[in-house]
Amino acid sequence: MRWKKIALSAAKQLGRAEIPEIQMPGEYGDLIRRPWPYELKLLFWEGASTRSIKKLREERKHLDSILLVIDPEGGFTPYHRTPRA
């Protein structure tokens, strides 16, 4: 998978021992139902607030794991941007 190769290359370039885990694209319903074991979950989309990653890191001094969800080419719909239980 292209993104896994990019993650591996970036980790090598930065001298990191851990390579970020890249998941295969999947269905939105599966994404929100899965019990992700991450401390922070972020949904990136084109209409996001001005809150920065830097600000989040200042608020949370220690994070071992972060789940990043990047929007598809067409962007997330309002349904996808609504928090779900």
N, C-alpha and C. Protein backbone atom coordinates (compact mmCIF):
# COMPACT_ATOMS: atom_id res chain seq x y z
N MET A 1 0.84 -1.18 0.00
CA MET A 1 0.00 0.00 0.00
C MET A 1 0.89 1.25 0.00
N ARG A 2 0.54 2.19 -0.79
CA ARG A 2 1.34 3.41 -0.97
C ARG A 2 1.58 4.14 0.34
N TRP A 3 0.56 4.31 1.17
CA TRP A 3 0.70 5.08 2.42
C TRP A 3 1.61 4.38 3.42
N LYS A 4 1.62 3.06 3.41
CA LYS A 4 2.51 2.33 4.31
C LYS A 4 3.97 2.56 3.91
N LYS A 5 4.23 2.60 2.61
CA LYS A 5 5.59 2.87 2.13
C LYS A 5 6.01 4.29 2.51
N ILE A 6 5.09 5.22 2.41
CA ILE A 6 5.38 6.61 2.79
C ILE A 6 5.69 6.70 4.28
N ALA A 7 4.89 6.02 5.11
CA ALA A 7 5.12 6.03 6.57
C ALA A 7 6.48 5.42 6.91
N LEU A 8 6.83 4.31 6.26
CA LEU A 8 8.11 3.67 6.48
C LEU A 8 9.26 4.59 6.08
N SER A 9 9.15 5.21 4.92
CA SER A 9 10.18 6.12 4.44
C SER A 9 10.35 7.31 5.39
N ALA A 10 9.24 7.88 5.84
CA ALA A 10 9.30 9.02 6.76
C ALA A 10 9.93 8.63 8.09
N ALA A 11 9.57 7.45 8.62
CA ALA A 11 10.14 6.99 9.88
C ALA A 11 11.65 6.80 9.75
N LYS A 12 12.09 6.23 8.65
CA LYS A 12 13.54 6.04 8.41
C LYS A 12 14.25 7.38 8.31
N GLN A 13 13.66 8.30 7.57
CA GLN A 13 14.26 9.61 7.37
C GLN A 13 14.42 10.36 8.70
N LEU A 14 13.44 10.18 9.60
CA LEU A 14 13.48 10.86 10.90
C LEU A 14 14.20 10.06 11.97
N GLY A 15 14.65 8.86 11.63
CA GLY A 15 15.35 8.03 12.60
C GLY A 15 14.46 7.48 13.69
N ARG A 16 13.20 7.27 13.39
CA ARG A 16 12.25 6.76 14.39
C ARG A 16 12.26 5.24 14.42
N ALA A 17 12.14 4.71 15.62
CA ALA A 17 12.11 3.26 15.78
C ALA A 17 10.73 2.69 15.45
N GLU A 18 9.68 3.47 15.70
CA GLU A 18 8.32 3.00 15.45
C GLU A 18 7.79 3.59 14.15
N ILE A 19 7.11 2.75 13.38
CA ILE A 19 6.51 3.18 12.13
C ILE A 19 5.01 3.36 12.39
N PRO A 20 4.44 4.51 12.00
CA PRO A 20 3.00 4.70 12.21
C PRO A 20 2.20 3.60 11.52
N GLU A 21 1.16 3.14 12.17
CA GLU A 21 0.31 2.10 11.60
C GLU A 21 -0.68 2.74 10.64
N ILE A 22 -0.76 2.23 9.44
CA ILE A 22 -1.67 2.74 8.42
C ILE A 22 -2.72 1.66 8.17
N GLN A 23 -3.99 2.00 8.36
CA GLN A 23 -5.08 1.07 8.11
C GLN A 23 -5.56 1.20 6.68
N MET A 24 -6.08 0.13 6.15
CA MET A 24 -6.67 0.16 4.81
C MET A 24 -7.96 0.99 4.86
N PRO A 25 -8.29 1.67 3.77
CA PRO A 25 -9.56 2.40 3.74
C PRO A 25 -10.71 1.45 4.01
N GLY A 26 -11.72 1.95 4.69
CA GLY A 26 -12.85 1.10 5.02
C GLY A 26 -14.15 1.88 5.06
N GLU A 27 -15.18 1.22 5.48
CA GLU A 27 -16.51 1.83 5.58
C GLU A 27 -16.61 2.69 6.82
N TYR A 28 -17.32 3.81 6.72
CA TYR A 28 -17.47 4.73 7.84
C TYR A 28 -18.12 4.05 9.04
N GLY A 29 -19.16 3.26 8.80
CA GLY A 29 -19.84 2.57 9.90
C GLY A 29 -18.90 1.67 10.68
N ASP A 30 -18.02 0.97 9.99
CA ASP A 30 -17.03 0.11 10.65
C ASP A 30 -16.06 0.95 11.47
N LEU A 31 -15.71 2.11 10.96
CA LEU A 31 -14.79 3.01 11.64
C LEU A 31 -15.34 3.46 12.99
N ILE A 32 -16.60 3.87 13.02
CA ILE A 32 -17.14 4.40 14.28
C ILE A 32 -17.56 3.31 15.26
N ARG A 33 -17.83 2.10 14.76
CA ARG A 33 -18.22 1.01 15.66
C ARG A 33 -17.02 0.30 16.29
N ARG A 34 -15.88 0.38 15.65
CA ARG A 34 -14.69 -0.31 16.15
C ARG A 34 -14.20 0.33 17.45
N PRO A 35 -13.89 -0.47 18.47
CA PRO A 35 -13.40 0.09 19.74
C PRO A 35 -11.90 0.43 19.65
N TRP A 36 -11.57 1.54 19.04
CA TRP A 36 -10.18 1.94 18.86
C TRP A 36 -9.51 2.18 20.21
N PRO A 37 -8.31 1.66 20.42
CA PRO A 37 -7.63 1.81 21.71
C PRO A 37 -6.76 3.07 21.80
N TYR A 38 -7.11 4.13 21.07
CA TYR A 38 -6.28 5.33 21.04
C TYR A 38 -6.75 6.35 22.07
N GLU A 39 -5.79 7.10 22.62
CA GLU A 39 -6.10 8.11 23.64
C GLU A 39 -6.77 9.35 23.05
N LEU A 40 -6.45 9.67 21.82
CA LEU A 40 -7.00 10.84 21.15
C LEU A 40 -7.42 10.44 19.76
N LYS A 41 -8.63 10.84 19.36
CA LYS A 41 -9.15 10.52 18.03
C LYS A 41 -9.47 11.83 17.33
N LEU A 42 -8.87 12.04 16.14
CA LEU A 42 -9.06 13.27 15.39
C LEU A 42 -9.62 12.98 14.01
N LEU A 43 -10.61 13.76 13.63
CA LEU A 43 -11.21 13.67 12.31
C LEU A 43 -10.83 14.94 11.55
N PHE A 44 -10.02 14.79 10.51
CA PHE A 44 -9.59 15.94 9.72
C PHE A 44 -10.54 16.14 8.56
N TRP A 45 -11.00 17.38 8.38
CA TRP A 45 -11.84 17.70 7.23
C TRP A 45 -11.70 19.17 6.90
N GLU A 46 -12.11 19.52 5.71
CA GLU A 46 -11.86 20.85 5.18
C GLU A 46 -12.55 21.98 5.94
N GLY A 47 -13.60 21.71 6.68
CA GLY A 47 -14.32 22.75 7.42
C GLY A 47 -14.03 22.73 8.91
N ALA A 48 -12.92 22.15 9.30
CA ALA A 48 -12.58 22.01 10.72
C ALA A 48 -12.36 23.37 11.38
N SER A 49 -12.47 23.39 12.69
CA SER A 49 -12.24 24.62 13.45
C SER A 49 -10.78 25.03 13.38
N THR A 50 -10.49 26.15 13.95
CA THR A 50 -9.11 26.66 13.92
C THR A 50 -8.25 26.07 15.02
N ARG A 51 -8.76 25.13 15.76
CA ARG A 51 -7.98 24.50 16.81
C ARG A 51 -6.83 23.71 16.17
N SER A 52 -5.64 23.96 16.63
CA SER A 52 -4.46 23.36 16.00
C SER A 52 -3.98 22.12 16.74
N ILE A 53 -3.18 21.33 16.04
CA ILE A 53 -2.55 20.16 16.65
C ILE A 53 -1.64 20.63 17.79
N LYS A 54 -0.95 21.73 17.56
CA LYS A 54 -0.06 22.27 18.59
C LYS A 54 -0.85 22.56 19.88
N LYS A 55 -2.03 23.15 19.74
CA LYS A 55 -2.87 23.47 20.90
C LYS A 55 -3.31 22.18 21.60
N LEU A 56 -3.69 21.18 20.83
CA LEU A 56 -4.08 19.90 21.42
C LEU A 56 -2.93 19.28 22.19
N ARG A 57 -1.72 19.36 21.65
CA ARG A 57 -0.55 18.80 22.33
C ARG A 57 -0.26 19.55 23.63
N GLU A 58 -0.50 20.86 23.64
CA GLU A 58 -0.30 21.64 24.86
C GLU A 58 -1.31 21.24 25.93
N GLU A 59 -2.54 20.94 25.51
CA GLU A 59 -3.60 20.54 26.44
C GLU A 59 -3.40 19.14 26.97
N ARG A 60 -2.82 18.29 26.15
CA ARG A 60 -2.57 16.89 26.54
C ARG A 60 -1.07 16.65 26.48
N LYS A 61 -0.44 16.80 27.62
CA LYS A 61 1.03 16.73 27.68
C LYS A 61 1.59 15.37 27.27
N HIS A 62 0.87 14.29 27.58
CA HIS A 62 1.41 12.97 27.27
C HIS A 62 0.36 12.14 26.52
N LEU A 63 0.68 11.79 25.31
CA LEU A 63 -0.18 10.92 24.51
C LEU A 63 0.67 9.80 23.92
N ASP A 64 0.25 8.58 24.16
CA ASP A 64 0.96 7.45 23.59
C ASP A 64 0.41 7.05 22.23
N SER A 65 -0.87 7.41 21.97
CA SER A 65 -1.47 6.97 20.72
C SER A 65 -2.53 7.96 20.24
N ILE A 66 -2.54 8.18 18.93
CA ILE A 66 -3.50 9.08 18.30
C ILE A 66 -4.05 8.40 17.05
N LEU A 67 -5.37 8.46 16.87
CA LEU A 67 -6.01 7.98 15.67
C LEU A 67 -6.35 9.20 14.82
N LEU A 68 -5.83 9.24 13.59
CA LEU A 68 -6.12 10.33 12.66
C LEU A 68 -6.98 9.79 11.53
N VAL A 69 -8.10 10.44 11.28
CA VAL A 69 -8.98 10.04 10.19
C VAL A 69 -8.98 11.19 9.19
N ILE A 70 -8.58 10.89 7.98
CA ILE A 70 -8.48 11.91 6.93
C ILE A 70 -9.66 11.74 5.98
N ASP A 71 -10.26 12.86 5.60
CA ASP A 71 -11.45 12.78 4.75
C ASP A 71 -11.14 12.27 3.36
N PRO A 72 -12.14 11.62 2.77
CA PRO A 72 -11.97 11.15 1.40
C PRO A 72 -11.95 12.34 0.44
N GLU A 73 -11.66 12.08 -0.78
CA GLU A 73 -11.54 13.14 -1.78
C GLU A 73 -12.75 14.06 -1.82
N GLY A 74 -13.93 13.51 -1.64
CA GLY A 74 -15.16 14.32 -1.69
C GLY A 74 -15.46 15.03 -0.39
N GLY A 75 -14.72 14.77 0.66
CA GLY A 75 -14.95 15.39 1.95
C GLY A 75 -15.99 14.63 2.77
N PHE A 76 -16.01 14.90 4.07
CA PHE A 76 -16.99 14.28 4.95
C PHE A 76 -18.31 15.05 4.87
N THR A 77 -19.41 14.34 4.93
CA THR A 77 -20.73 14.97 4.94
C THR A 77 -21.06 15.41 6.36
N PRO A 78 -22.09 16.25 6.56
CA PRO A 78 -22.49 16.62 7.93
C PRO A 78 -22.77 15.39 8.80
N TYR A 79 -23.33 14.33 8.22
CA TYR A 79 -23.59 13.10 8.96
C TYR A 79 -22.29 12.54 9.54
N HIS A 80 -21.24 12.53 8.75
CA HIS A 80 -19.97 11.97 9.19
C HIS A 80 -19.29 12.83 10.24
N ARG A 81 -19.57 14.12 10.26
CA ARG A 81 -18.92 15.02 11.20
C ARG A 81 -19.60 15.08 12.56
N THR A 82 -20.78 14.46 12.68
CA THR A 82 -21.51 14.46 13.93
C THR A 82 -20.95 13.39 14.85
N PRO A 83 -20.54 13.75 16.10
CA PRO A 83 -20.02 12.74 17.03
C PRO A 83 -21.04 11.63 17.27
N ARG A 84 -20.60 10.43 17.35
CA ARG A 84 -21.45 9.26 17.60
C ARG A 84 -20.96 8.53 18.83
N ALA A 85 -21.86 7.86 19.49
CA ALA A 85 -21.50 7.07 20.68
C ALA A 85 -20.91 5.76 20.28
